[in-house]
Amino acid sequence: MEKETLSFKYQLEKKEPRLGPGGITRGASVHDFPVSKGIAGVSMRLEPGCMRELHWHANAAEWAYVLTGNCRTTIIHPDGTSYTDTFGPGDTWYFPKGYGHSIQGIGPGECHFILIFDNGDFSEDHTFSVTDFIASMPKDIVAQNLGISLAEVDLLPKKEVYFSLGEVPDDSSFTSALRPYSELLSKHRYPLEAQQPRRIPGGGTQKLVTSVEFPISTTISGSIIELQPGALREMHWHPNADEWQYYISGTAEMSVFLAEGTAVTEQFETGDVGYVPMGAGHYIKNTGTTVCRVLIGFNSGHYQAIDLSEWLASNPAALIRGNFGISEELARKFPSETIFIKANS
């Protein structure tokens, strides 16, 4: 019996988008990308003033990374506290499952961001939107709840709005939100791009945000990996989380090891998504002539990785010789410390 052929690649930015007034969204759940059982992702673009309307997700928390442009979010907590934040390129946000929120482009130009959800069965098309909620309830209930007349209820949307165009809430307008003091960090915002990265000279860099740096992000960690041409994010695995990748720029190769002599190799380009199940061995190699930049999300607030070089270097030399049946001379060529990213030699 032949083994099922699995694909660990999905061409997200080539998917037919959902369009609305000033907004574009493309999503990939397990229904689009069958191996992506633990994480789903969305690529969304908002023009200035366009809002992803007030909504909530019943089955997943939301983590985001802003690629380009600027946006404003609002969120309500179960205790009644609310937060309004603005985001620019390199910023991340996290909204716990079930918390009501909105996202609005504030210009100048389009805001493009990637959303990562800690449930592969999540669908951006099946969220709970405020207009849909109100339109689905009896008119007299809505009138009583909102303190308006039945005639005024008829002025409200008759179905889900999803994307809506509103005023641009820039800092010169009265629609911007009051903020009494400046701050770098806020409860729902972490400026990942501001980090000094882990750096491997000639190989690449890593920026990482977990629940340690961003306490509210209890179920998702995020990372930006940059690989120089020919560089290799070495063979490794994550014992506590699935890995979801969005290729921001460049080209790359990844192989996923599934045990029992099975490995699947995929080629990636800008706009593609990759996935690695928890515990599966893999690598990422830059196959192009420019820097390869990858956004990576994990469905755990705690980042864990076991790198092949670190594992081999931690064992007695005699054990390594015996395990591989090799000479002492060859064993001495094996890594003696963690590589993490290997530069092209």
Protein backbone atom coordinates (compact mmCIF):
# COMPACT_ATOMS: atom_id res chain seq x y z
CA MET A 1 0.00 0.00 0.00
CA GLU A 2 1.45 3.37 -1.03
CA LYS A 3 1.97 6.05 1.62
CA GLU A 4 -0.21 9.15 1.38
CA THR A 5 1.60 12.08 -0.24
CA LEU A 6 1.59 15.04 2.13
CA SER A 7 2.30 18.65 1.23
CA PHE A 8 3.75 21.04 3.79
CA LYS A 9 3.34 24.06 1.50
CA TYR A 10 0.35 26.26 0.67
CA GLN A 11 0.40 29.21 -1.76
CA LEU A 12 -1.60 31.59 0.42
CA GLU A 13 -1.14 34.77 -1.60
CA LYS A 14 -2.34 32.99 -4.77
CA LYS A 15 -5.66 32.03 -3.17
CA GLU A 16 -8.82 33.78 -4.44
CA PRO A 17 -9.38 36.55 -1.89
CA ARG A 18 -12.46 37.70 -0.02
CA LEU A 19 -13.04 41.34 -0.97
CA GLY A 20 -14.91 44.15 0.74
CA PRO A 21 -14.95 47.97 0.81
CA GLY A 22 -11.26 48.75 1.30
CA GLY A 23 -10.31 45.27 2.52
CA ILE A 24 -8.82 42.03 1.20
CA THR A 25 -8.35 38.78 3.09
CA ARG A 26 -6.98 35.33 2.28
CA GLY A 27 -7.06 32.52 4.84
CA ALA A 28 -5.75 28.99 5.16
CA SER A 29 -7.23 26.57 7.68
CA VAL A 30 -6.90 22.80 7.87
CA HIS A 31 -9.66 22.61 5.26
CA ASP A 32 -7.43 24.39 2.71
CA PHE A 33 -4.09 23.07 3.98
CA PRO A 34 -4.72 19.57 5.43
CA VAL A 35 -1.43 19.16 7.34
CA SER A 36 -2.02 22.43 9.22
CA LYS A 37 -4.04 20.84 12.01
CA GLY A 38 -2.81 22.97 14.90
CA ILE A 39 -2.52 26.47 13.38
CA ALA A 40 -4.44 28.55 10.83
CA GLY A 41 -3.33 31.77 9.18
CA VAL A 42 -4.73 34.80 7.36
CA SER A 43 -3.20 37.49 5.15
CA MET A 44 -5.24 40.71 5.41
CA ARG A 45 -4.95 44.14 3.82
CA LEU A 46 -6.83 47.27 4.89
CA GLU A 47 -6.95 50.62 3.11
CA PRO A 48 -6.99 53.80 5.27
CA GLY A 49 -10.31 53.98 7.11
CA CYS A 50 -11.27 50.38 6.31
CA MET A 51 -12.14 48.39 9.39
CA ARG A 52 -12.41 44.70 10.07
CA GLU A 53 -15.57 45.20 12.03
CA LEU A 54 -16.12 44.47 15.74
CA HIS A 55 -16.00 40.68 16.10
CA TRP A 56 -14.74 37.77 18.18
CA HIS A 57 -13.37 34.26 17.63
CA ALA A 58 -14.94 31.53 19.72
CA ASN A 59 -12.39 28.81 19.06
CA ALA A 60 -9.00 30.50 18.70
CA ALA A 61 -6.70 33.21 20.02
CA GLU A 62 -5.30 35.69 17.47
CA TRP A 63 -1.63 36.73 17.05
CA ALA A 64 -0.60 39.21 14.38
CA TYR A 65 2.49 40.63 12.73
CA VAL A 66 2.32 43.86 10.71
CA LEU A 67 4.28 43.68 7.46
CA THR A 68 3.55 47.13 6.02
CA GLY A 69 1.46 50.19 6.88
CA ASN A 70 -0.32 51.15 10.07
CA CYS A 71 -3.51 50.14 11.84
CA ARG A 72 -5.49 50.68 15.02
CA THR A 73 -7.08 47.97 17.15
CA THR A 74 -9.65 48.02 19.93
CA ILE A 75 -10.41 45.19 22.35
CA ILE A 76 -12.80 44.54 25.24
CA HIS A 77 -11.96 42.27 28.20
CA PRO A 78 -14.51 40.25 30.19
CA ASP A 79 -13.91 42.52 33.22
CA GLY A 80 -15.04 45.52 31.16
CA THR A 81 -11.61 47.07 30.57
CA SER A 82 -10.84 48.11 27.02
CA TYR A 83 -7.67 48.97 25.12
CA THR A 84 -6.91 50.92 21.95
CA ASP A 85 -3.48 50.62 20.33
CA THR A 86 -1.80 51.59 17.07
CA PHE A 87 0.60 49.33 15.18
CA GLY A 88 3.24 49.77 12.51
CA PRO A 89 5.64 47.50 10.59
CA GLY A 90 7.24 44.89 12.83
CA ASP A 91 4.67 45.20 15.64
CA THR A 92 2.70 42.23 16.96
CA TRP A 93 -0.58 41.89 18.83
CA TYR A 94 -2.36 39.13 20.73
CA PHE A 95 -6.07 38.80 21.46
CA PRO A 96 -7.25 35.95 23.71
CA LYS A 97 -9.98 33.62 22.48
CA GLY A 98 -13.45 35.11 22.73
CA TYR A 99 -12.41 38.75 23.33
CA GLY A 100 -14.24 41.27 21.13
CA HIS A 101 -11.98 43.40 18.94
CA SER A 102 -11.66 45.43 15.75
CA ILE A 103 -8.86 46.39 13.33
CA GLN A 104 -8.77 49.55 11.20
CA GLY A 105 -6.29 50.87 8.66
CA ILE A 106 -5.06 54.34 9.57
CA GLY A 107 -2.79 55.12 6.59
CA PRO A 108 -0.87 56.40 4.91
CA GLY A 109 -1.40 53.68 2.34
CA GLU A 110 -2.43 50.06 2.77
CA CYS A 111 -1.80 48.10 5.96
CA HIS A 112 -0.83 44.45 5.37
CA PHE A 113 -0.62 42.04 8.29
CA ILE A 114 -0.51 38.31 8.94
CA LEU A 115 -2.85 36.74 11.50
CA ILE A 116 -2.00 33.44 13.20
CA PHE A 117 -4.60 31.42 15.11
CA ASP A 118 -3.87 28.60 17.57
CA ASN A 119 -6.47 26.27 16.03
CA GLY A 120 -6.11 24.73 12.58
CA ASP A 121 -9.89 24.45 12.27
CA PHE A 122 -10.30 28.22 12.59
CA SER A 123 -11.84 30.05 9.66
CA GLU A 124 -11.85 33.83 9.20
CA ASP A 125 -15.14 33.34 7.31
CA HIS A 126 -16.78 31.89 10.44
CA THR A 127 -16.29 34.56 13.07
CA PHE A 128 -18.86 36.25 15.27
CA SER A 129 -19.40 39.78 13.92
CA VAL A 130 -21.36 42.48 15.75
CA THR A 131 -23.53 43.36 12.73
CA ASP A 132 -24.38 39.70 12.12
CA PHE A 133 -25.17 39.23 15.82
CA ILE A 134 -27.56 42.19 15.93
CA ALA A 135 -29.17 41.41 12.54
CA SER A 136 -29.88 37.83 13.64
CA MET A 137 -31.79 38.81 16.79
CA PRO A 138 -35.53 39.76 17.05
CA LYS A 139 -36.05 43.45 16.25
CA ASP A 140 -37.84 44.19 19.51
CA ILE A 141 -34.95 42.71 21.49
CA VAL A 142 -32.44 44.83 19.60
CA ALA A 143 -34.53 47.95 20.13
CA GLN A 144 -34.82 47.29 23.87
CA ASN A 145 -31.12 46.40 24.21
CA LEU A 146 -29.81 49.45 22.32
CA GLY A 147 -32.45 51.91 23.50
CA ILE A 148 -33.63 52.77 20.00
CA SER A 149 -36.95 52.54 18.17
CA LEU A 150 -38.04 49.73 15.84
CA ALA A 151 -37.80 52.20 12.96
CA GLU A 152 -34.20 52.95 13.92
CA VAL A 153 -33.43 49.22 14.06
CA ASP A 154 -34.35 49.13 10.36
CA LEU A 155 -31.49 51.56 9.69
CA LEU A 156 -28.91 49.00 10.91
CA PRO A 157 -27.21 46.48 8.59
CA LYS A 158 -29.37 43.49 7.63
CA LYS A 159 -26.42 41.10 7.50
CA GLU A 160 -22.73 40.82 8.39
CA VAL A 161 -20.70 43.83 7.22
CA TYR A 162 -17.24 42.21 7.71
CA PHE A 163 -15.31 45.10 6.07
CA SER A 164 -16.56 48.67 6.44
CA LEU A 165 -15.17 52.08 5.47
CA GLY A 166 -15.05 54.77 8.14
CA GLU A 167 -13.16 57.93 8.99
CA VAL A 168 -9.37 57.64 9.14
CA PRO A 169 -8.46 57.95 12.85
CA ASP A 170 -5.18 59.80 12.45
CA ASP A 171 -3.56 61.80 15.25
CA SER A 172 -4.79 65.13 13.87
CA SER A 173 -8.45 64.08 13.97
CA PHE A 174 -11.03 63.89 16.72
CA THR A 175 -11.56 60.23 15.85
CA SER A 176 -8.14 59.29 17.20
CA ALA A 177 -8.13 57.71 20.66
CA LEU A 178 -6.99 59.60 23.76
CA ARG A 179 -3.71 58.29 25.18
CA PRO A 180 -2.49 60.20 28.24
CA TYR A 181 1.18 59.18 28.05
CA SER A 182 3.68 57.57 25.69
CA GLU A 183 4.82 53.97 26.09
CA LEU A 184 6.78 51.38 24.11
CA LEU A 185 4.88 48.35 25.38
CA SER A 186 1.20 47.93 26.06
CA LYS A 187 -0.92 45.00 27.17
CA HIS A 188 -1.73 43.85 23.62
CA ARG A 189 1.22 45.27 21.66
CA TYR A 190 4.82 44.09 21.42
CA PRO A 191 7.31 45.85 19.04
CA LEU A 192 9.19 42.80 17.74
CA GLU A 193 11.09 44.82 15.13
CA ALA A 194 12.68 46.89 17.92
CA GLN A 195 14.57 43.86 19.28
CA GLN A 196 18.29 43.38 18.93
CA PRO A 197 18.26 39.94 17.26
CA ARG A 198 20.14 36.75 17.89
CA ARG A 199 22.83 37.07 15.25
CA ILE A 200 25.01 34.47 13.48
CA PRO A 201 27.63 36.44 11.47
CA GLY A 202 27.35 35.56 7.80
CA GLY A 203 24.37 33.29 8.45
CA GLY A 204 21.39 35.26 9.66
CA THR A 205 19.33 36.53 12.56
CA GLN A 206 16.36 35.63 14.74
CA LYS A 207 13.91 37.87 16.58
CA LEU A 208 11.64 36.05 19.02
CA VAL A 209 8.67 36.98 21.19
CA THR A 210 7.15 34.57 23.71
CA SER A 211 4.98 34.88 26.80
CA VAL A 212 8.16 35.85 28.67
CA GLU A 213 8.48 39.13 26.74
CA PHE A 214 4.75 39.49 25.97
CA PRO A 215 2.86 38.06 28.97
CA ILE A 216 -0.65 38.13 27.52
CA SER A 217 0.44 35.92 24.60
CA THR A 218 -0.02 32.68 26.51
CA THR A 219 -0.79 30.36 23.57
CA ILE A 220 1.31 31.70 20.67
CA SER A 221 4.99 32.59 20.20
CA GLY A 222 6.37 34.34 17.13
CA SER A 223 9.70 34.68 15.39
CA ILE A 224 11.29 36.45 12.43
CA ILE A 225 14.15 34.50 10.82
CA GLU A 226 16.44 36.11 8.25
CA LEU A 227 18.76 33.83 6.28
CA GLN A 228 21.60 35.08 4.11
CA PRO A 229 21.98 33.52 0.63
CA GLY A 230 22.85 29.84 0.99
CA ALA A 231 22.49 29.88 4.78
CA LEU A 232 20.81 27.04 6.64
CA ARG A 233 18.56 27.14 9.70
CA GLU A 234 19.95 23.86 10.87
CA MET A 235 18.12 20.56 11.30
CA HIS A 236 15.98 20.79 14.44
CA TRP A 237 12.55 20.15 15.93
CA HIS A 238 10.13 21.72 18.39
CA PRO A 239 8.99 19.34 21.15
CA ASN A 240 6.10 21.51 22.39
CA ALA A 241 4.51 23.18 19.36
CA ASP A 242 3.52 23.05 15.71
CA GLU A 243 5.24 25.57 13.42
CA TRP A 244 3.48 27.79 10.85
CA GLN A 245 5.58 29.81 8.40
CA TYR A 246 4.85 32.76 6.12
CA TYR A 247 7.61 33.54 3.59
CA ILE A 248 7.91 37.33 3.54
CA SER A 249 10.70 37.52 0.95
CA GLY A 250 13.18 35.36 -0.90
CA THR A 251 13.13 31.66 -1.75
CA ALA A 252 13.81 28.63 0.41
CA GLU A 253 13.78 24.87 0.69
CA MET A 254 12.43 22.89 3.63
CA SER A 255 12.34 19.16 4.30
CA VAL A 256 10.06 17.73 6.99
CA PHE A 257 11.10 14.41 8.57
CA LEU A 258 8.16 12.23 9.65
CA ALA A 259 10.09 9.15 10.95
CA GLU A 260 10.18 5.66 9.40
CA GLY A 261 12.35 6.86 6.53
CA THR A 262 9.79 9.45 5.41
CA ALA A 263 10.69 13.04 4.55
CA VAL A 264 8.95 15.59 2.33
CA THR A 265 10.89 18.39 0.61
CA GLU A 266 9.18 21.60 -0.52
CA GLN A 267 10.32 24.76 -2.34
CA PHE A 268 8.99 28.15 -1.15
CA GLU A 269 8.74 31.69 -2.50
CA THR A 270 7.29 34.98 -1.28
CA GLY A 271 3.67 34.61 -0.12
CA ASP A 272 3.85 30.86 0.52
CA VAL A 273 2.99 29.21 3.82
CA GLY A 274 4.82 26.24 5.35
CA TYR A 275 3.86 23.95 8.22
CA VAL A 276 5.74 21.55 10.49
CA PRO A 277 3.91 19.25 12.95
CA MET A 278 5.05 19.21 16.57
CA GLY A 279 8.18 17.07 16.99
CA ALA A 280 8.90 16.66 13.26
CA GLY A 281 12.51 17.27 12.23
CA HIS A 282 13.11 19.96 9.62
CA TYR A 283 15.45 22.65 8.26
CA ILE A 284 15.07 25.84 6.21
CA LYS A 285 17.70 26.73 3.58
CA ASN A 286 17.88 29.97 1.61
CA THR A 287 18.06 28.86 -2.03
CA GLY A 288 18.16 32.36 -3.53
CA THR A 289 20.61 35.21 -4.01
CA THR A 290 18.88 37.64 -1.63
CA VAL A 291 17.97 37.51 2.07
CA CYS A 292 15.15 35.10 2.85
CA ARG A 293 12.82 36.48 5.55
CA VAL A 294 10.33 34.17 7.28
CA LEU A 295 7.62 34.87 9.84
CA ILE A 296 7.15 31.84 12.10
CA GLY A 297 4.36 31.18 14.58
CA PHE A 298 4.17 28.46 17.23
CA ASN A 299 1.00 27.35 19.03
CA SER A 300 2.60 27.64 22.47
CA GLY A 301 3.50 30.68 24.51
CA HIS A 302 6.82 28.99 25.37
CA TYR A 303 9.46 28.57 22.65
CA GLN A 304 11.37 25.28 22.67
CA ALA A 305 13.76 23.91 20.04
CA ILE A 306 16.27 21.08 19.92
CA ASP A 307 18.99 21.70 17.34
CA LEU A 308 20.90 18.78 15.84
CA SER A 309 24.31 20.35 16.48
CA GLU A 310 23.59 21.03 20.15
CA TRP A 311 22.27 17.50 20.67
CA LEU A 312 25.27 15.83 19.04
CA ALA A 313 27.76 18.08 20.85
CA SER A 314 26.22 17.22 24.23
CA ASN A 315 27.07 13.50 23.95
CA PRO A 316 30.39 11.77 24.77
CA ALA A 317 32.63 11.41 21.71
CA ALA A 318 32.78 7.65 22.09
CA LEU A 319 29.01 7.43 22.01
CA ILE A 320 28.89 9.42 18.77
CA ARG A 321 31.52 7.14 17.20
CA GLY A 322 29.58 4.05 18.21
CA ASN A 323 26.18 5.39 17.20
CA PHE A 324 27.31 6.22 13.65
CA GLY A 325 29.99 3.52 13.33
CA ILE A 326 32.59 6.07 12.30
CA SER A 327 36.24 6.75 12.98
CA GLU A 328 37.52 9.10 15.67
CA GLU A 329 38.84 11.39 12.94
CA LEU A 330 35.41 11.75 11.33
CA ALA A 331 33.64 12.12 14.68
CA ARG A 332 35.91 15.08 15.51
CA LYS A 333 34.47 16.92 12.48
CA PHE A 334 30.98 16.82 13.93
CA PRO A 335 29.73 20.04 15.61
CA SER A 336 31.19 20.75 19.04
CA GLU A 337 28.75 23.58 19.82
CA THR A 338 25.37 24.92 18.75
CA ILE A 339 25.25 26.15 15.14
CA PHE A 340 21.62 27.43 14.94
CA ILE A 341 22.21 29.01 11.51
CA LYS A 342 25.04 27.75 9.29
CA ALA A 343 26.50 30.26 6.85
CA ASN A 344 27.08 29.22 3.25
CA SER A 345 30.67 28.02 2.97
